[in-house]
Amino acid sequence: MRELQRLRQDCAEAYQVVGTLGAAVGLLDSVPLAKALDNLSAASQGDARPHEDLLPFILTCSDKE
């Protein structure tokens, strides 16, 4: 159980890091990044992955709005 809690905490922290980095480069609203954040959020709460099509993960300049 401790391992599960640690992994959920790791996902919650990764969510914060990925979101902060996405915002810093102006890609927070991109679809690929939003899918990654959704998956991390779900994992941190022990929920099912909402997006099975995350990989391959590719961001391009056209993802910037």
N, C-alpha and C. Protein backbone atom coordinates (compact mmCIF):
# COMPACT_ATOMS: atom_id res chain seq x y z
N MET A 1 0.82 -1.20 0.00
CA MET A 1 0.00 0.00 0.00
C MET A 1 0.86 1.27 0.00
N ARG A 2 1.97 1.24 0.71
CA ARG A 2 2.86 2.40 0.72
C ARG A 2 3.41 2.69 -0.67
N GLU A 3 3.72 1.62 -1.41
CA GLU A 3 4.25 1.78 -2.76
C GLU A 3 3.20 2.44 -3.66
N LEU A 4 1.97 2.04 -3.54
CA LEU A 4 0.89 2.63 -4.33
C LEU A 4 0.73 4.11 -3.99
N GLN A 5 0.77 4.45 -2.74
CA GLN A 5 0.66 5.85 -2.33
C GLN A 5 1.84 6.66 -2.86
N ARG A 6 3.03 6.08 -2.83
CA ARG A 6 4.22 6.77 -3.33
C ARG A 6 4.09 7.02 -4.83
N LEU A 7 3.62 6.01 -5.57
CA LEU A 7 3.46 6.16 -7.01
C LEU A 7 2.41 7.21 -7.35
N ARG A 8 1.33 7.23 -6.61
CA ARG A 8 0.31 8.26 -6.83
C ARG A 8 0.87 9.64 -6.55
N GLN A 9 1.66 9.76 -5.49
CA GLN A 9 2.29 11.05 -5.17
C GLN A 9 3.27 11.44 -6.28
N ASP A 10 4.03 10.49 -6.80
CA ASP A 10 4.94 10.77 -7.91
C ASP A 10 4.18 11.30 -9.12
N CYS A 11 3.02 10.71 -9.42
CA CYS A 11 2.20 11.17 -10.55
C CYS A 11 1.66 12.57 -10.29
N ALA A 12 1.25 12.85 -9.07
CA ALA A 12 0.75 14.19 -8.73
C ALA A 12 1.86 15.23 -8.89
N GLU A 13 3.05 14.88 -8.47
CA GLU A 13 4.18 15.81 -8.61
C GLU A 13 4.56 15.98 -10.08
N ALA A 14 4.55 14.90 -10.84
CA ALA A 14 4.85 14.99 -12.27
C ALA A 14 3.82 15.86 -12.98
N TYR A 15 2.56 15.77 -12.56
CA TYR A 15 1.51 16.61 -13.12
C TYR A 15 1.86 18.09 -12.94
N GLN A 16 2.31 18.45 -11.75
CA GLN A 16 2.67 19.84 -11.48
C GLN A 16 3.86 20.28 -12.33
N VAL A 17 4.86 19.43 -12.44
CA VAL A 17 6.07 19.76 -13.21
C VAL A 17 5.73 19.91 -14.70
N VAL A 18 5.01 18.94 -15.25
CA VAL A 18 4.66 18.97 -16.67
C VAL A 18 3.77 20.18 -16.97
N GLY A 19 2.83 20.45 -16.10
CA GLY A 19 1.97 21.62 -16.29
C GLY A 19 2.73 22.92 -16.25
N THR A 20 3.66 23.04 -15.31
CA THR A 20 4.48 24.25 -15.20
C THR A 20 5.36 24.43 -16.43
N LEU A 21 5.98 23.35 -16.89
CA LEU A 21 6.81 23.43 -18.09
C LEU A 21 5.98 23.75 -19.32
N GLY A 22 4.81 23.14 -19.43
CA GLY A 22 3.93 23.43 -20.56
C GLY A 22 3.51 24.88 -20.59
N ALA A 23 3.19 25.43 -19.43
CA ALA A 23 2.82 26.84 -19.35
C ALA A 23 4.00 27.74 -19.72
N ALA A 24 5.19 27.37 -19.28
CA ALA A 24 6.37 28.20 -19.53
C ALA A 24 6.70 28.31 -21.01
N VAL A 25 6.39 27.27 -21.78
CA VAL A 25 6.69 27.31 -23.22
C VAL A 25 5.46 27.60 -24.05
N GLY A 26 4.35 27.93 -23.40
CA GLY A 26 3.14 28.32 -24.11
C GLY A 26 2.38 27.17 -24.76
N LEU A 27 2.54 25.96 -24.23
CA LEU A 27 1.86 24.80 -24.82
C LEU A 27 0.87 24.15 -23.87
N LEU A 28 0.47 24.86 -22.84
CA LEU A 28 -0.42 24.28 -21.85
C LEU A 28 -1.75 23.84 -22.45
N ASP A 29 -2.20 24.51 -23.49
CA ASP A 29 -3.49 24.18 -24.10
C ASP A 29 -3.38 23.21 -25.27
N SER A 30 -2.20 22.67 -25.51
CA SER A 30 -2.05 21.75 -26.64
C SER A 30 -2.71 20.41 -26.31
N VAL A 31 -3.26 19.76 -27.32
CA VAL A 31 -3.96 18.49 -27.11
C VAL A 31 -3.02 17.42 -26.55
N PRO A 32 -1.82 17.22 -27.12
CA PRO A 32 -0.96 16.16 -26.56
C PRO A 32 -0.60 16.40 -25.09
N LEU A 33 -0.32 17.63 -24.74
CA LEU A 33 0.04 17.93 -23.35
C LEU A 33 -1.17 17.77 -22.44
N ALA A 34 -2.33 18.18 -22.90
CA ALA A 34 -3.55 18.01 -22.10
C ALA A 34 -3.83 16.53 -21.84
N LYS A 35 -3.59 15.68 -22.84
CA LYS A 35 -3.79 14.24 -22.65
C LYS A 35 -2.82 13.70 -21.60
N ALA A 36 -1.57 14.14 -21.65
CA ALA A 36 -0.58 13.69 -20.68
C ALA A 36 -0.98 14.12 -19.27
N LEU A 37 -1.43 15.36 -19.14
CA LEU A 37 -1.86 15.85 -17.83
C LEU A 37 -3.09 15.09 -17.34
N ASP A 38 -4.02 14.82 -18.23
CA ASP A 38 -5.20 14.03 -17.85
C ASP A 38 -4.79 12.66 -17.31
N ASN A 39 -3.86 12.00 -18.01
CA ASN A 39 -3.41 10.68 -17.58
C ASN A 39 -2.70 10.74 -16.23
N LEU A 40 -1.86 11.75 -16.04
CA LEU A 40 -1.17 11.89 -14.76
C LEU A 40 -2.14 12.18 -13.63
N SER A 41 -3.12 13.01 -13.90
CA SER A 41 -4.13 13.32 -12.89
C SER A 41 -4.90 12.06 -12.50
N ALA A 42 -5.32 11.31 -13.49
CA ALA A 42 -6.05 10.07 -13.22
C ALA A 42 -5.20 9.10 -12.41
N ALA A 43 -3.94 8.96 -12.79
CA ALA A 43 -3.05 8.04 -12.08
C ALA A 43 -2.85 8.47 -10.63
N SER A 44 -2.76 9.77 -10.41
CA SER A 44 -2.55 10.26 -9.04
C SER A 44 -3.76 9.99 -8.14
N GLN A 45 -4.92 9.79 -8.77
CA GLN A 45 -6.14 9.53 -8.01
C GLN A 45 -6.55 8.05 -8.04
N GLY A 46 -5.78 7.24 -8.75
CA GLY A 46 -6.09 5.83 -8.84
C GLY A 46 -7.20 5.51 -9.83
N ASP A 47 -7.45 6.43 -10.75
CA ASP A 47 -8.49 6.23 -11.75
C ASP A 47 -7.92 5.64 -13.04
N ALA A 48 -8.79 5.15 -13.90
CA ALA A 48 -8.37 4.60 -15.19
C ALA A 48 -7.81 5.71 -16.08
N ARG A 49 -6.90 5.31 -16.97
CA ARG A 49 -6.33 6.26 -17.92
C ARG A 49 -7.41 6.74 -18.89
N PRO A 50 -7.60 8.04 -19.02
CA PRO A 50 -8.59 8.53 -19.97
C PRO A 50 -8.10 8.49 -21.42
N HIS A 51 -6.79 8.45 -21.62
CA HIS A 51 -6.24 8.48 -22.98
C HIS A 51 -5.25 7.34 -23.18
N GLU A 52 -5.63 6.35 -23.97
CA GLU A 52 -4.73 5.24 -24.29
C GLU A 52 -3.86 5.57 -25.49
N ASP A 53 -4.15 6.69 -26.15
CA ASP A 53 -3.44 7.06 -27.38
C ASP A 53 -2.42 8.16 -27.15
N LEU A 54 -1.81 8.22 -25.98
CA LEU A 54 -0.85 9.28 -25.67
C LEU A 54 0.45 9.14 -26.46
N LEU A 55 0.91 7.92 -26.64
CA LEU A 55 2.18 7.69 -27.34
C LEU A 55 1.94 7.34 -28.79
N PRO A 56 2.74 7.77 -29.71
CA PRO A 56 3.95 8.56 -29.49
C PRO A 56 3.58 10.00 -29.12
N PHE A 57 4.33 10.57 -28.20
CA PHE A 57 4.09 11.93 -27.71
C PHE A 57 4.93 12.89 -28.54
N ILE A 58 4.25 13.72 -29.31
CA ILE A 58 4.96 14.65 -30.18
C ILE A 58 4.33 16.04 -30.02
N LEU A 59 5.16 17.03 -29.71
CA LEU A 59 4.72 18.41 -29.69
C LEU A 59 5.38 19.14 -30.84
N THR A 60 4.62 19.96 -31.52
CA THR A 60 5.16 20.76 -32.61
C THR A 60 4.79 22.22 -32.38
N CYS A 61 5.43 23.07 -33.15
CA CYS A 61 5.13 24.51 -33.04
C CYS A 61 3.66 24.79 -33.35
N SER A 62 3.04 23.96 -34.18
CA SER A 62 1.64 24.17 -34.53
C SER A 62 0.72 23.86 -33.35
N ASP A 63 1.25 23.20 -32.30
CA ASP A 63 0.44 22.94 -31.11
C ASP A 63 0.27 24.21 -30.27
N LYS A 64 1.12 25.21 -30.52
CA LYS A 64 1.02 26.48 -29.82
C LYS A 64 -0.16 27.25 -30.34
N GLU A 65 -0.95 27.79 -29.43
CA GLU A 65 -2.11 28.56 -29.88
C GLU A 65 -1.81 30.03 -29.77
